Amino acid sequence: MDEEVNVVEKMSGGKIFLLIWFLSIAVMYFLASRPGNPLVLPGDIYTRKGMNKIYLPVGSSLYLAIILYILFKFFFKI
């Protein structure tokens, strides 16, 4: 377990933020794959043409990444 903590401690803040941002994009795409309209926040791109829909969660993933980054820094003291 100490090795896992050391790996996280060696990562810089920017790398951790990008990792959390990419994970939050994946979560937002997963939530958007459900039927119906996804949760769209300012900064997101959502269009529907016929049976095709395009959802780019730029704003949502950025907001989620910032919140998770702050919580991560608070709880793990990195």
PDB file of N, CA and C in Angstrom:
ATOM      1  N   MET A   1       0.826  -1.190   0.000  1.00  0.00           N
ATOM      2  CA  MET A   1       0.000   0.000   0.000  1.00  0.00           C
ATOM      3  C   MET A   1       0.869   1.251   0.000  1.00  0.00           C
ATOM      4  N   ASP A   2       2.026   1.185   0.649  1.00  0.00           N
ATOM      5  CA  ASP A   2       2.916   2.340   0.671  1.00  0.00           C
ATOM      6  C   ASP A   2       3.415   2.683  -0.725  1.00  0.00           C
ATOM      7  N   GLU A   3       3.595   1.663  -1.574  1.00  0.00           N
ATOM      8  CA  GLU A   3       4.054   1.908  -2.936  1.00  0.00           C
ATOM      9  C   GLU A   3       3.017   2.691  -3.722  1.00  0.00           C
ATOM     10  N   GLU A   4       1.726   2.385  -3.512  1.00  0.00           N
ATOM     11  CA  GLU A   4       0.664   3.102  -4.212  1.00  0.00           C
ATOM     12  C   GLU A   4       0.645   4.569  -3.800  1.00  0.00           C
ATOM     13  N   VAL A   5       0.817   4.829  -2.540  1.00  0.00           N
ATOM     14  CA  VAL A   5       0.832   6.205  -2.053  1.00  0.00           C
ATOM     15  C   VAL A   5       2.034   6.940  -2.623  1.00  0.00           C
ATOM     16  N   ASN A   6       3.185   6.281  -2.698  1.00  0.00           N
ATOM     17  CA  ASN A   6       4.379   6.914  -3.246  1.00  0.00           C
ATOM     18  C   ASN A   6       4.199   7.278  -4.708  1.00  0.00           C
ATOM     19  N   VAL A   7       3.502   6.448  -5.476  1.00  0.00           N
ATOM     20  CA  VAL A   7       3.255   6.757  -6.882  1.00  0.00           C
ATOM     21  C   VAL A   7       2.412   8.013  -6.993  1.00  0.00           C
ATOM     22  N   VAL A   8       1.381   8.124  -6.175  1.00  0.00           N
ATOM     23  CA  VAL A   8       0.519   9.303  -6.207  1.00  0.00           C
ATOM     24  C   VAL A   8       1.288  10.534  -5.744  1.00  0.00           C
ATOM     25  N   GLU A   9       2.125  10.398  -4.747  1.00  0.00           N
ATOM     26  CA  GLU A   9       2.890  11.535  -4.244  1.00  0.00           C
ATOM     27  C   GLU A   9       3.918  12.016  -5.256  1.00  0.00           C
ATOM     28  N   LYS A  10       4.419  11.132  -6.112  1.00  0.00           N
ATOM     29  CA  LYS A  10       5.410  11.516  -7.110  1.00  0.00           C
ATOM     30  C   LYS A  10       4.788  12.258  -8.290  1.00  0.00           C
ATOM     31  N   MET A  11       3.480  12.103  -8.505  1.00  0.00           N
ATOM     32  CA  MET A  11       2.821  12.777  -9.623  1.00  0.00           C
ATOM     33  C   MET A  11       2.671  14.259  -9.302  1.00  0.00           C
ATOM     34  N   SER A  12       2.888  15.086 -10.306  1.00  0.00           N
ATOM     35  CA  SER A  12       2.720  16.525 -10.103  1.00  0.00           C
ATOM     36  C   SER A  12       1.238  16.875 -10.137  1.00  0.00           C
ATOM     37  N   GLY A  13       0.916  18.064  -9.680  1.00  0.00           N
ATOM     38  CA  GLY A  13      -0.470  18.496  -9.638  1.00  0.00           C
ATOM     39  C   GLY A  13      -1.107  18.551 -11.012  1.00  0.00           C
ATOM     40  N   GLY A  14      -0.343  18.969 -12.014  1.00  0.00           N
ATOM     41  CA  GLY A  14      -0.874  19.046 -13.373  1.00  0.00           C
ATOM     42  C   GLY A  14      -1.225  17.684 -13.940  1.00  0.00           C
ATOM     43  N   LYS A  15      -0.381  16.693 -13.675  1.00  0.00           N
ATOM     44  CA  LYS A  15      -0.655  15.340 -14.164  1.00  0.00           C
ATOM     45  C   LYS A  15      -1.878  14.751 -13.475  1.00  0.00           C
ATOM     46  N   ILE A  16      -2.002  14.998 -12.188  1.00  0.00           N
ATOM     47  CA  ILE A  16      -3.166  14.500 -11.458  1.00  0.00           C
ATOM     48  C   ILE A  16      -4.432  15.152 -11.987  1.00  0.00           C
ATOM     49  N   PHE A  17      -4.375  16.469 -12.237  1.00  0.00           N
ATOM     50  CA  PHE A  17      -5.544  17.173 -12.754  1.00  0.00           C
ATOM     51  C   PHE A  17      -5.952  16.627 -14.122  1.00  0.00           C
ATOM     52  N   LEU A  18      -4.992  16.403 -15.019  1.00  0.00           N
ATOM     53  CA  LEU A  18      -5.317  15.866 -16.342  1.00  0.00           C
ATOM     54  C   LEU A  18      -5.884  14.454 -16.245  1.00  0.00           C
ATOM     55  N   LEU A  19      -5.340  13.643 -15.357  1.00  0.00           N
ATOM     56  CA  LEU A  19      -5.862  12.299 -15.162  1.00  0.00           C
ATOM     57  C   LEU A  19      -7.311  12.349 -14.688  1.00  0.00           C
ATOM     58  N   ILE A  20      -7.590  13.195 -13.716  1.00  0.00           N
ATOM     59  CA  ILE A  20      -8.957  13.333 -13.215  1.00  0.00           C
ATOM     60  C   ILE A  20      -9.871  13.887 -14.302  1.00  0.00           C
ATOM     61  N   TRP A  21      -9.365  14.819 -15.135  1.00  0.00           N
ATOM     62  CA  TRP A  21     -10.184  15.394 -16.199  1.00  0.00           C
ATOM     63  C   TRP A  21     -10.562  14.332 -17.227  1.00  0.00           C
ATOM     64  N   PHE A  22      -9.606  13.502 -17.636  1.00  0.00           N
ATOM     65  CA  PHE A  22      -9.915  12.454 -18.602  1.00  0.00           C
ATOM     66  C   PHE A  22     -10.884  11.431 -18.017  1.00  0.00           C
ATOM     67  N   LEU A  23     -10.736  11.111 -16.754  1.00  0.00           N
ATOM     68  CA  LEU A  23     -11.681  10.195 -16.116  1.00  0.00           C
ATOM     69  C   LEU A  23     -13.075  10.806 -16.039  1.00  0.00           C
ATOM     70  N   SER A  24     -13.152  12.111 -15.775  1.00  0.00           N
ATOM     71  CA  SER A  24     -14.466  12.747 -15.703  1.00  0.00           C
ATOM     72  C   SER A  24     -15.114  12.838 -17.082  1.00  0.00           C
ATOM     73  N   ILE A  25     -14.325  12.977 -18.149  1.00  0.00           N
ATOM     74  CA  ILE A  25     -14.888  12.940 -19.504  1.00  0.00           C
ATOM     75  C   ILE A  25     -15.506  11.571 -19.762  1.00  0.00           C
ATOM     76  N   ALA A  26     -14.822  10.513 -19.347  1.00  0.00           N
ATOM     77  CA  ALA A  26     -15.357   9.163 -19.524  1.00  0.00           C
ATOM     78  C   ALA A  26     -16.656   8.984 -18.748  1.00  0.00           C
ATOM     79  N   VAL A  27     -16.714   9.503 -17.542  1.00  0.00           N
ATOM     80  CA  VAL A  27     -17.940   9.407 -16.737  1.00  0.00           C
ATOM     81  C   VAL A  27     -19.075  10.166 -17.407  1.00  0.00           C
ATOM     82  N   MET A  28     -18.794  11.357 -17.937  1.00  0.00           N
ATOM     83  CA  MET A  28     -19.843  12.148 -18.581  1.00  0.00           C
ATOM     84  C   MET A  28     -20.346  11.464 -19.852  1.00  0.00           C
ATOM     85  N   TYR A  29     -19.456  10.838 -20.623  1.00  0.00           N
ATOM     86  CA  TYR A  29     -19.902  10.093 -21.802  1.00  0.00           C
ATOM     87  C   TYR A  29     -20.758   8.904 -21.393  1.00  0.00           C
ATOM     88  N   PHE A  30     -20.397   8.246 -20.302  1.00  0.00           N
ATOM     89  CA  PHE A  30     -21.203   7.132 -19.812  1.00  0.00           C
ATOM     90  C   PHE A  30     -22.597   7.612 -19.422  1.00  0.00           C
ATOM     91  N   LEU A  31     -22.674   8.742 -18.736  1.00  0.00           N
ATOM     92  CA  LEU A  31     -23.977   9.278 -18.351  1.00  0.00           C
ATOM     93  C   LEU A  31     -24.774   9.740 -19.563  1.00  0.00           C
ATOM     94  N   ALA A  32     -24.096  10.209 -20.599  1.00  0.00           N
ATOM     95  CA  ALA A  32     -24.781  10.679 -21.806  1.00  0.00           C
ATOM     96  C   ALA A  32     -25.293   9.528 -22.659  1.00  0.00           C
ATOM     97  N   SER A  33     -24.781   8.330 -22.460  1.00  0.00           N
ATOM     98  CA  SER A  33     -25.201   7.199 -23.279  1.00  0.00           C
ATOM     99  C   SER A  33     -26.577   6.672 -22.883  1.00  0.00           C
ATOM    100  N   ARG A  34     -27.100   7.139 -21.778  1.00  0.00           N
ATOM    101  CA  ARG A  34     -28.439   6.725 -21.367  1.00  0.00           C
ATOM    102  C   ARG A  34     -29.472   7.353 -22.293  1.00  0.00           C
ATOM    103  N   PRO A  35     -30.647   6.745 -22.426  1.00  0.00           N
ATOM    104  CA  PRO A  35     -31.683   7.351 -23.269  1.00  0.00           C
ATOM    105  C   PRO A  35     -32.168   8.676 -22.684  1.00  0.00           C
ATOM    106  N   GLY A  36     -32.607   9.559 -23.559  1.00  0.00           N
ATOM    107  CA  GLY A  36     -33.072  10.873 -23.115  1.00  0.00           C
ATOM    108  C   GLY A  36     -31.958  11.892 -23.224  1.00  0.00           C
ATOM    109  N   ASN A  37     -32.242  13.083 -22.773  1.00  0.00           N
ATOM    110  CA  ASN A  37     -31.256  14.159 -22.827  1.00  0.00           C
ATOM    111  C   ASN A  37     -30.292  14.050 -21.657  1.00  0.00           C
ATOM    112  N   PRO A  38     -28.999  14.238 -21.912  1.00  0.00           N
ATOM    113  CA  PRO A  38     -28.028  14.207 -20.812  1.00  0.00           C
ATOM    114  C   PRO A  38     -28.055  15.514 -20.027  1.00  0.00           C
ATOM    115  N   LEU A  39     -27.410  15.510 -18.882  1.00  0.00           N
ATOM    116  CA  LEU A  39     -27.242  16.729 -18.095  1.00  0.00           C
ATOM    117  C   LEU A  39     -26.279  17.630 -18.852  1.00  0.00           C
ATOM    118  N   VAL A  40     -26.762  18.775 -19.294  1.00  0.00           N
ATOM    119  CA  VAL A  40     -25.947  19.680 -20.096  1.00  0.00           C
ATOM    120  C   VAL A  40     -25.704  20.944 -19.286  1.00  0.00           C
ATOM    121  N   LEU A  41     -24.436  21.238 -19.025  1.00  0.00           N
ATOM    122  CA  LEU A  41     -24.041  22.442 -18.309  1.00  0.00           C
ATOM    123  C   LEU A  41     -23.469  23.447 -19.299  1.00  0.00           C
ATOM    124  N   PRO A  42     -23.338  24.709 -18.904  1.00  0.00           N
ATOM    125  CA  PRO A  42     -22.717  25.679 -19.805  1.00  0.00           C
ATOM    126  C   PRO A  42     -21.311  25.230 -20.200  1.00  0.00           C
ATOM    127  N   GLY A  43     -21.029  25.284 -21.478  1.00  0.00           N
ATOM    128  CA  GLY A  43     -19.746  24.833 -21.995  1.00  0.00           C
ATOM    129  C   GLY A  43     -19.826  23.487 -22.679  1.00  0.00           C
ATOM    130  N   ASP A  44     -20.930  22.774 -22.504  1.00  0.00           N
ATOM    131  CA  ASP A  44     -21.117  21.493 -23.175  1.00  0.00           C
ATOM    132  C   ASP A  44     -21.691  21.722 -24.568  1.00  0.00           C
ATOM    133  N   ILE A  45     -21.375  20.822 -25.465  1.00  0.00           N
ATOM    134  CA  ILE A  45     -21.910  20.876 -26.821  1.00  0.00           C
ATOM    135  C   ILE A  45     -22.816  19.668 -26.989  1.00  0.00           C
ATOM    136  N   TYR A  46     -24.091  19.915 -27.293  1.00  0.00           N
ATOM    137  CA  TYR A  46     -25.061  18.834 -27.448  1.00  0.00           C
ATOM    138  C   TYR A  46     -25.960  19.149 -28.628  1.00  0.00           C
ATOM    139  N   THR A  47     -25.951  18.295 -29.633  1.00  0.00           N
ATOM    140  CA  THR A  47     -26.850  18.440 -30.773  1.00  0.00           C
ATOM    141  C   THR A  47     -27.453  17.088 -31.091  1.00  0.00           C
ATOM    142  N   ARG A  48     -28.668  17.127 -31.610  1.00  0.00           N
ATOM    143  CA  ARG A  48     -29.354  15.904 -32.009  1.00  0.00           C
ATOM    144  C   ARG A  48     -29.928  16.126 -33.400  1.00  0.00           C
ATOM    145  N   LYS A  49     -29.574  15.241 -34.317  1.00  0.00           N
ATOM    146  CA  LYS A  49     -30.098  15.283 -35.680  1.00  0.00           C
ATOM    147  C   LYS A  49     -30.599  13.890 -36.018  1.00  0.00           C
ATOM    148  N   GLY A  50     -31.893  13.739 -36.044  1.00  0.00           N
ATOM    149  CA  GLY A  50     -32.473  12.426 -36.314  1.00  0.00           C
ATOM    150  C   GLY A  50     -32.145  11.453 -35.198  1.00  0.00           C
ATOM    151  N   MET A  51     -31.541  10.347 -35.563  1.00  0.00           N
ATOM    152  CA  MET A  51     -31.170   9.330 -34.574  1.00  0.00           C
ATOM    153  C   MET A  51     -29.762   9.552 -34.022  1.00  0.00           C
ATOM    154  N   ASN A  52     -29.037  10.492 -34.598  1.00  0.00           N
ATOM    155  CA  ASN A  52     -27.664  10.749 -34.157  1.00  0.00           C
ATOM    156  C   ASN A  52     -27.640  11.875 -33.140  1.00  0.00           C
ATOM    157  N   LYS A  53     -26.820  11.709 -32.126  1.00  0.00           N
ATOM    158  CA  LYS A  53     -26.619  12.795 -31.173  1.00  0.00           C
ATOM    159  C   LYS A  53     -25.132  12.966 -30.927  1.00  0.00           C
ATOM    160  N   ILE A  54     -24.744  14.207 -30.777  1.00  0.00           N
ATOM    161  CA  ILE A  54     -23.355  14.546 -30.508  1.00  0.00           C
ATOM    162  C   ILE A  54     -23.310  15.246 -29.160  1.00  0.00           C
ATOM    163  N   TYR A  55     -22.509  14.709 -28.258  1.00  0.00           N
ATOM    164  CA  TYR A  55     -22.394  15.285 -26.917  1.00  0.00           C
ATOM    165  C   TYR A  55     -20.925  15.391 -26.568  1.00  0.00           C
ATOM    166  N   LEU A  56     -20.433  16.601 -26.424  1.00  0.00           N
ATOM    167  CA  LEU A  56     -19.058  16.847 -26.009  1.00  0.00           C
ATOM    168  C   LEU A  56     -19.090  17.534 -24.647  1.00  0.00           C
ATOM    169  N   PRO A  57     -18.776  16.800 -23.583  1.00  0.00           N
ATOM    170  CA  PRO A  57     -18.909  17.344 -22.227  1.00  0.00           C
ATOM    171  C   PRO A  57     -17.709  18.177 -21.798  1.00  0.00           C
ATOM    172  N   VAL A  58     -17.417  19.232 -22.534  1.00  0.00           N
ATOM    173  CA  VAL A  58     -16.251  20.057 -22.220  1.00  0.00           C
ATOM    174  C   VAL A  58     -16.442  20.756 -20.872  1.00  0.00           C
ATOM    175  N   GLY A  59     -17.556  21.446 -20.703  1.00  0.00           N
ATOM    176  CA  GLY A  59     -17.802  22.190 -19.464  1.00  0.00           C
ATOM    177  C   GLY A  59     -18.011  21.283 -18.267  1.00  0.00           C
ATOM    178  N   SER A  60     -18.865  20.273 -18.434  1.00  0.00           N
ATOM    179  CA  SER A  60     -19.168  19.370 -17.317  1.00  0.00           C
ATOM    180  C   SER A  60     -17.923  18.650 -16.824  1.00  0.00           C
ATOM    181  N   SER A  61     -17.128  18.144 -17.750  1.00  0.00           N
ATOM    182  CA  SER A  61     -15.940  17.406 -17.333  1.00  0.00           C
ATOM    183  C   SER A  61     -14.922  18.327 -16.673  1.00  0.00           C
ATOM    184  N   LEU A  62     -14.839  19.570 -17.145  1.00  0.00           N
ATOM    185  CA  LEU A  62     -13.902  20.511 -16.530  1.00  0.00           C
ATOM    186  C   LEU A  62     -14.344  20.867 -15.113  1.00  0.00           C
ATOM    187  N   TYR A  63     -15.646  21.139 -14.921  1.00  0.00           N
ATOM    188  CA  TYR A  63     -16.159  21.445 -13.580  1.00  0.00           C
ATOM    189  C   TYR A  63     -15.938  20.266 -12.640  1.00  0.00           C
ATOM    190  N   LEU A  64     -16.261  19.061 -13.121  1.00  0.00           N
ATOM    191  CA  LEU A  64     -16.098  17.865 -12.301  1.00  0.00           C
ATOM    192  C   LEU A  64     -14.629  17.628 -11.962  1.00  0.00           C
ATOM    193  N   ALA A  65     -13.737  17.848 -12.919  1.00  0.00           N
ATOM    194  CA  ALA A  65     -12.309  17.648 -12.674  1.00  0.00           C
ATOM    195  C   ALA A  65     -11.776  18.639 -11.647  1.00  0.00           C
ATOM    196  N   ILE A  66     -12.220  19.879 -11.712  1.00  0.00           N
ATOM    197  CA  ILE A  66     -11.767  20.883 -10.743  1.00  0.00           C
ATOM    198  C   ILE A  66     -12.225  20.513  -9.338  1.00  0.00           C
ATOM    199  N   ILE A  67     -13.477  20.116  -9.201  1.00  0.00           N
ATOM    200  CA  ILE A  67     -14.008  19.737  -7.885  1.00  0.00           C
ATOM    201  C   ILE A  67     -13.273  18.514  -7.345  1.00  0.00           C
ATOM    202  N   LEU A  68     -13.086  17.496  -8.184  1.00  0.00           N
ATOM    203  CA  LEU A  68     -12.387  16.295  -7.733  1.00  0.00           C
ATOM    204  C   LEU A  68     -10.927  16.579  -7.407  1.00  0.00           C
ATOM    205  N   TYR A  69     -10.292  17.462  -8.159  1.00  0.00           N
ATOM    206  CA  TYR A  69      -8.898  17.823  -7.896  1.00  0.00           C
ATOM    207  C   TYR A  69      -8.770  18.503  -6.535  1.00  0.00           C
ATOM    208  N   ILE A  70      -9.678  19.415  -6.236  1.00  0.00           N
ATOM    209  CA  ILE A  70      -9.644  20.101  -4.939  1.00  0.00           C
ATOM    210  C   ILE A  70      -9.870  19.104  -3.806  1.00  0.00           C
ATOM    211  N   LEU A  71     -10.836  18.207  -3.973  1.00  0.00           N
ATOM    212  CA  LEU A  71     -11.081  17.191  -2.946  1.00  0.00           C
ATOM    213  C   LEU A  71      -9.878  16.258  -2.797  1.00  0.00           C
ATOM    214  N   PHE A  72      -9.284  15.879  -3.912  1.00  0.00           N
ATOM    215  CA  PHE A  72      -8.121  14.996  -3.886  1.00  0.00           C
ATOM    216  C   PHE A  72      -6.970  15.651  -3.138  1.00  0.00           C
ATOM    217  N   LYS A  73      -6.710  16.922  -3.431  1.00  0.00           N
ATOM    218  CA  LYS A  73      -5.634  17.648  -2.751  1.00  0.00           C
ATOM    219  C   LYS A  73      -5.935  17.804  -1.259  1.00  0.00           C
ATOM    220  N   PHE A  74      -7.201  18.013  -0.912  1.00  0.00           N
ATOM    221  CA  PHE A  74      -7.590  18.213   0.478  1.00  0.00           C
ATOM    222  C   PHE A  74      -7.423  16.926   1.285  1.00  0.00           C
ATOM    223  N   PHE A  75      -7.908  15.799   0.733  1.00  0.00           N
ATOM    224  CA  PHE A  75      -7.888  14.556   1.487  1.00  0.00           C
ATOM    225  C   PHE A  75      -6.528  13.866   1.486  1.00  0.00           C
ATOM    226  N   PHE A  76      -5.766  13.990   0.416  1.00  0.00           N
ATOM    227  CA  PHE A  76      -4.498  13.271   0.330  1.00  0.00           C
ATOM    228  C   PHE A  76      -3.290  14.160   0.573  1.00  0.00           C
ATOM    229  N   LYS A  77      -3.490  15.443   0.780  1.00  0.00           N
ATOM    230  CA  LYS A  77      -2.424  16.396   1.128  1.00  0.00           C
ATOM    231  C   LYS A  77      -1.235  16.303   0.171  1.00  0.00           C
ATOM    232  N   ILE A  78      -1.524  16.360  -1.127  1.00  0.00           N
ATOM    233  CA  ILE A  78      -0.456  16.266  -2.131  1.00  0.00           C
ATOM    234  C   ILE A  78       0.024  17.649  -2.482  1.00  0.00           C
TER     235      ILE A  78
END
